Amino acid sequence: MKTVIYLDELLLTNFLAAAMLLLCTGLLCARQCSGLHLLAGSATAAVSSLGILLPELPGAAAVLCKALTCGAVVAAAYGVPGPRGFARLCAWYLLLNLLLCGAAVLPGVQSANLCVYFALSPGRLLLCCGAVSALLRAVLFCFGRAGPRSVAAVLELDSAALPVQALCDTGFSVQDPLSGRAVVLLHYPSVRDGLPQALRTFLDSYFACGAAPPPELGVRLVPCTTIAGHCVLPAVPAKALRVGSRRVQGFLAAFCRPETPPEHWTALLDSELAGQLGIR
């Protein structure tokens, strides 16, 4: 029996379904993406659904292709907030897709290259997506959220644009004692690979043996006091921090390397900067 698939319905339905599942993934991982990033992730998922039209791939190749498309969808929506955070986002997005398949199982299911096709109307499929989202929200309402929500942002340095997960901490109030400028705290291992080579080399040496900063980098040492004690953080002037169309300037980007890596952020902001970016 032949099945007729209308590409416009296929793409639109998968676009909307992916948007709901990506939002659910953010709820579970305590992360938030901007509207443009959500559109990019949903569009990537919609295009990947065309895999059902391709010739059947061998089992290993189909699994690899599906893993790559899943990673591309998550990266388009949430970026790559460190290996651990990215793996967690991918795992939840995959599990939610499996949950959706379980919610929409009907006779006549077809599949190709691990893309599943259900012989049901787009409205019913989207209703199943809504059921998955409602179930998740009910569970979070009863048992609590995963934690404070971070927002996808872009930090601009002299010659680099770093995708980060920005989190507002009302108790964080570090400032440069000389200029009084606010400080954004970055988790160094998560942003290391995107930094300019000279700055990365210095920071590796600083965290390894406390090397003195070379004058040409413009590094400032900012004192900071935490529950673990007093420390000095290396910081450099940043061009801007962007969240969607909002942008703030005039702050320092400081780097830290705690023993326990944070799960929900790669950039920590104070209340004032977060307010200017619309982060709650």
Protein backbone atom coordinates (compact mmCIF):
# COMPACT_ATOMS: atom_id res chain seq x y z
CA MET A 1 0.00 0.00 0.00
CA LYS A 2 1.36 3.41 -0.98
CA THR A 3 1.19 6.41 1.35
CA VAL A 4 0.87 9.97 0.03
CA ILE A 5 2.79 12.52 2.10
CA TYR A 6 2.19 16.24 1.60
CA LEU A 7 5.47 18.05 2.19
CA ASP A 8 3.86 21.28 3.37
CA GLU A 9 1.91 19.45 6.09
CA LEU A 10 4.96 17.33 6.97
CA LEU A 11 7.23 20.35 7.44
CA LEU A 12 4.69 22.53 9.26
CA THR A 13 3.57 19.78 11.61
CA ASN A 14 7.14 18.81 12.51
CA PHE A 15 8.07 22.47 12.93
CA LEU A 16 5.31 23.04 15.50
CA ALA A 17 5.89 19.71 17.23
CA ALA A 18 9.62 20.37 17.54
CA ALA A 19 8.96 23.83 18.98
CA MET A 20 6.83 22.34 21.78
CA LEU A 21 9.34 19.57 22.49
CA LEU A 22 12.25 22.02 22.57
CA LEU A 23 10.38 24.21 25.06
CA CYS A 24 9.73 21.11 27.18
CA THR A 25 13.44 20.25 26.99
CA GLY A 26 14.27 23.72 28.28
CA LEU A 27 11.87 23.27 31.19
CA LEU A 28 13.54 20.01 32.20
CA CYS A 29 17.07 21.36 31.86
CA ALA A 30 16.30 24.78 33.38
CA ARG A 31 17.32 26.58 30.21
CA GLN A 32 15.59 29.14 28.04
CA CYS A 33 16.16 30.05 24.39
CA SER A 34 15.22 33.19 22.52
CA GLY A 35 12.46 33.23 19.93
CA LEU A 36 14.93 33.29 17.02
CA HIS A 37 16.86 30.32 18.41
CA LEU A 38 13.61 28.42 18.92
CA LEU A 39 12.63 29.10 15.30
CA ALA A 40 16.06 27.90 14.13
CA GLY A 41 15.83 24.68 16.15
CA SER A 42 12.29 23.97 15.00
CA ALA A 43 13.21 24.62 11.35
CA THR A 44 16.17 22.25 11.67
CA ALA A 45 13.90 19.55 13.09
CA ALA A 46 11.37 20.10 10.30
CA VAL A 47 14.03 19.70 7.63
CA SER A 48 15.42 16.58 9.33
CA SER A 49 11.96 14.98 9.09
CA LEU A 50 12.52 14.73 5.34
CA GLY A 51 14.77 11.78 6.16
CA ILE A 52 11.68 9.60 5.90
CA LEU A 53 11.76 10.21 2.13
CA LEU A 54 15.37 9.07 1.68
CA PRO A 55 16.38 5.54 0.65
CA GLU A 56 16.66 3.18 3.62
CA LEU A 57 20.06 3.48 5.31
CA PRO A 58 21.92 0.66 7.10
CA GLY A 59 21.17 0.43 10.82
CA ALA A 60 24.40 2.04 12.07
CA ALA A 61 24.23 4.84 9.49
CA ALA A 62 20.58 5.56 10.39
CA VAL A 63 21.44 5.80 14.10
CA LEU A 64 24.41 8.09 13.37
CA CYS A 65 22.30 10.31 11.11
CA LYS A 66 19.57 10.54 13.75
CA ALA A 67 22.10 11.41 16.47
CA LEU A 68 23.62 14.15 14.30
CA THR A 69 20.24 15.67 13.46
CA CYS A 70 19.19 15.56 17.12
CA GLY A 71 22.41 17.36 18.09
CA ALA A 72 21.90 19.92 15.31
CA VAL A 73 18.34 20.68 16.49
CA VAL A 74 19.42 21.16 20.11
CA ALA A 75 22.48 23.22 19.14
CA ALA A 76 20.38 25.52 16.95
CA ALA A 77 17.96 26.17 19.82
CA TYR A 78 20.24 26.20 22.88
CA GLY A 79 23.79 26.35 21.56
CA VAL A 80 26.46 24.10 23.07
CA PRO A 81 26.67 25.04 26.78
CA GLY A 82 29.55 22.66 27.55
CA PRO A 83 29.69 18.90 26.85
CA ARG A 84 27.73 17.93 29.95
CA GLY A 85 24.94 20.46 29.47
CA PHE A 86 24.67 19.72 25.76
CA ALA A 87 24.48 15.96 26.36
CA ARG A 88 21.74 16.54 28.93
CA LEU A 89 19.71 18.66 26.50
CA CYS A 90 20.07 16.05 23.74
CA ALA A 91 19.08 13.21 26.08
CA TRP A 92 15.90 14.96 27.23
CA TYR A 93 14.96 16.00 23.69
CA LEU A 94 15.36 12.39 22.54
CA LEU A 95 13.35 11.02 25.48
CA LEU A 96 10.54 13.51 24.85
CA ASN A 97 10.42 12.42 21.21
CA LEU A 98 10.12 8.81 22.37
CA LEU A 99 7.37 9.82 24.80
CA LEU A 100 5.53 11.52 21.95
CA CYS A 101 5.75 8.34 19.89
CA GLY A 102 4.24 6.42 22.80
CA ALA A 103 1.44 8.99 23.13
CA ALA A 104 0.51 8.78 19.44
CA VAL A 105 0.82 5.04 18.70
CA LEU A 106 -1.85 3.96 16.23
CA PRO A 107 -2.16 1.09 13.76
CA GLY A 108 -0.41 1.67 10.45
CA VAL A 109 2.82 3.19 11.78
CA GLN A 110 5.56 3.44 9.15
CA SER A 111 9.21 4.38 9.55
CA ALA A 112 12.33 4.99 7.51
CA ASN A 113 15.80 5.97 8.75
CA LEU A 114 14.39 6.16 12.30
CA CYS A 115 11.82 8.78 11.18
CA VAL A 116 8.34 7.64 12.23
CA TYR A 117 5.20 8.39 10.20
CA PHE A 118 1.74 8.10 11.75
CA ALA A 119 -1.39 7.83 9.63
CA LEU A 120 -3.24 10.53 11.56
CA SER A 121 -4.15 14.15 11.01
CA PRO A 122 -1.70 16.96 11.83
CA GLY A 123 -4.19 18.29 14.36
CA ARG A 124 -4.24 15.04 16.29
CA LEU A 125 -0.45 14.80 16.25
CA LEU A 126 -0.13 18.35 17.59
CA LEU A 127 -2.72 17.50 20.21
CA CYS A 128 -0.44 14.65 21.30
CA CYS A 129 2.44 17.11 21.51
CA GLY A 130 0.29 19.31 23.71
CA ALA A 131 -0.48 16.30 25.89
CA VAL A 132 3.24 15.63 26.34
CA SER A 133 3.80 19.28 27.28
CA ALA A 134 0.84 19.29 29.68
CA LEU A 135 2.04 16.08 31.33
CA LEU A 136 5.49 17.55 31.82
CA ARG A 137 4.15 20.78 33.30
CA ALA A 138 1.91 18.80 35.65
CA VAL A 139 4.90 16.77 36.87
CA LEU A 140 6.97 19.92 37.39
CA PHE A 141 4.07 21.59 39.21
CA CYS A 142 3.76 18.64 41.61
CA PHE A 143 7.44 17.89 42.17
CA GLY A 144 9.16 21.23 41.52
CA ARG A 145 11.26 22.60 38.70
CA ALA A 146 14.73 21.46 37.75
CA GLY A 147 16.22 24.70 39.05
CA PRO A 148 16.65 28.36 38.09
CA ARG A 149 16.29 29.00 34.37
CA SER A 150 19.16 30.29 32.28
CA VAL A 151 18.87 32.14 28.98
CA ALA A 152 20.86 31.66 25.78
CA ALA A 153 23.08 34.70 25.21
CA VAL A 154 26.15 35.78 23.23
CA LEU A 155 29.17 37.37 24.91
CA GLU A 156 31.30 39.54 22.63
CA LEU A 157 35.01 39.92 23.38
CA ASP A 158 37.60 41.65 21.18
CA SER A 159 37.77 38.94 18.51
CA ALA A 160 35.32 36.30 19.72
CA ALA A 161 31.58 35.77 20.12
CA LEU A 162 30.89 33.17 22.80
CA PRO A 163 27.50 31.43 23.14
CA VAL A 164 26.71 31.22 26.86
CA GLN A 165 23.85 30.33 29.18
CA ALA A 166 23.24 33.47 31.25
CA LEU A 167 21.72 33.21 34.73
CA CYS A 168 20.67 36.00 37.07
CA ASP A 169 21.86 35.54 40.67
CA THR A 170 20.40 38.15 43.02
CA GLY A 171 23.20 37.45 45.50
CA PHE A 172 25.98 38.03 42.96
CA SER A 173 27.36 41.58 43.14
CA VAL A 174 31.04 41.47 42.13
CA GLN A 175 32.44 44.75 40.76
CA ASP A 176 35.82 46.02 39.66
CA PRO A 177 37.08 47.99 42.70
CA LEU A 178 38.98 50.50 40.52
CA SER A 179 36.40 51.41 37.88
CA GLY A 180 33.20 50.25 39.61
CA ARG A 181 32.15 48.36 36.49
CA ALA A 182 29.91 45.33 36.85
CA VAL A 183 31.36 41.85 36.34
CA VAL A 184 29.94 38.90 34.44
CA LEU A 185 31.34 35.65 35.79
CA LEU A 186 32.17 32.98 33.20
CA HIS A 187 32.77 29.28 33.80
CA TYR A 188 36.18 29.00 32.14
CA PRO A 189 36.12 25.31 31.04
CA SER A 190 32.80 25.87 29.24
CA VAL A 191 33.99 28.88 27.20
CA ARG A 192 37.69 28.06 26.88
CA ASP A 193 37.65 26.77 23.31
CA GLY A 194 36.00 29.93 21.98
CA LEU A 195 38.48 32.39 23.52
CA PRO A 196 41.33 34.04 21.60
CA GLN A 197 44.52 31.98 21.70
CA ALA A 198 46.59 34.49 23.68
CA LEU A 199 43.94 34.87 26.38
CA ARG A 200 43.37 31.12 26.54
CA THR A 201 47.11 30.48 26.99
CA PHE A 202 47.33 32.98 29.84
CA LEU A 203 44.25 31.65 31.62
CA ASP A 204 45.54 28.08 31.39
CA SER A 205 48.75 29.23 33.07
CA TYR A 206 46.91 31.36 35.61
CA PHE A 207 44.64 28.57 36.83
CA ALA A 208 47.55 26.09 36.77
CA CYS A 209 50.18 28.09 38.65
CA GLY A 210 48.97 31.67 39.16
CA ALA A 211 51.01 33.23 36.34
CA ALA A 212 51.12 37.03 36.12
CA PRO A 213 49.06 38.57 33.30
CA PRO A 214 50.93 40.10 30.33
CA PRO A 215 50.20 43.84 29.96
CA GLU A 216 49.05 43.58 26.32
CA LEU A 217 45.98 41.50 27.26
CA GLY A 218 44.52 44.20 29.52
CA VAL A 219 43.72 41.66 32.24
CA ARG A 220 42.49 42.95 35.60
CA LEU A 221 42.51 40.92 38.80
CA VAL A 222 39.17 41.34 40.57
CA PRO A 223 38.81 40.32 44.24
CA CYS A 224 35.85 38.11 45.07
CA THR A 225 34.58 36.63 48.33
CA THR A 226 32.43 33.48 48.40
CA ILE A 227 31.41 30.93 51.02
CA ALA A 228 34.56 29.03 50.05
CA GLY A 229 36.75 32.01 50.95
CA HIS A 230 38.55 34.90 49.27
CA CYS A 231 39.87 34.64 45.70
CA VAL A 232 41.10 36.81 42.85
CA LEU A 233 39.50 36.42 39.42
CA PRO A 234 41.19 37.33 36.12
CA ALA A 235 38.94 39.62 34.08
CA VAL A 236 39.04 41.38 30.72
CA PRO A 237 36.88 44.17 29.27
CA ALA A 238 33.98 42.81 27.19
CA LYS A 239 32.35 44.47 24.19
CA ALA A 240 28.78 43.43 24.89
CA LEU A 241 26.39 40.75 26.06
CA ARG A 242 23.39 40.05 23.81
CA VAL A 243 20.10 38.31 24.52
CA GLY A 244 17.97 38.46 21.40
CA SER A 245 17.78 42.13 20.36
CA ARG A 246 18.81 43.44 23.79
CA ARG A 247 22.43 44.37 24.45
CA VAL A 248 24.47 45.64 27.40
CA GLN A 249 27.99 47.08 27.45
CA GLY A 250 30.52 48.52 29.87
CA PHE A 251 31.31 45.49 32.04
CA LEU A 252 34.16 43.08 32.70
CA ALA A 253 34.15 39.38 31.91
CA ALA A 254 35.79 37.44 34.75
CA PHE A 255 36.72 33.76 34.63
CA CYS A 256 36.45 31.08 37.28
CA ARG A 257 37.18 27.37 37.43
CA PRO A 258 35.29 25.86 40.40
CA GLU A 259 35.88 22.29 41.47
CA THR A 260 32.22 21.42 40.84
CA PRO A 261 31.04 22.61 37.41
CA PRO A 262 27.70 24.48 37.41
CA GLU A 263 24.78 22.69 35.76
CA HIS A 264 22.54 25.62 34.79
CA TRP A 265 24.84 28.44 33.68
CA THR A 266 28.05 29.39 31.97
CA ALA A 267 27.66 33.15 32.62
CA LEU A 268 26.48 34.60 35.95
CA LEU A 269 24.96 38.10 36.07
CA ASP A 270 23.90 40.48 38.79
CA SER A 271 20.34 41.81 39.00
CA GLU A 272 21.08 45.12 37.28
CA LEU A 273 22.61 43.62 34.13
CA ALA A 274 19.96 40.90 34.04
CA GLY A 275 17.21 43.52 34.24
CA GLN A 276 18.65 45.41 31.27
CA LEU A 277 18.60 42.15 29.27
CA GLY A 278 15.10 41.21 30.34
CA ILE A 279 16.26 38.15 32.31
CA ARG A 280 14.14 37.28 35.31
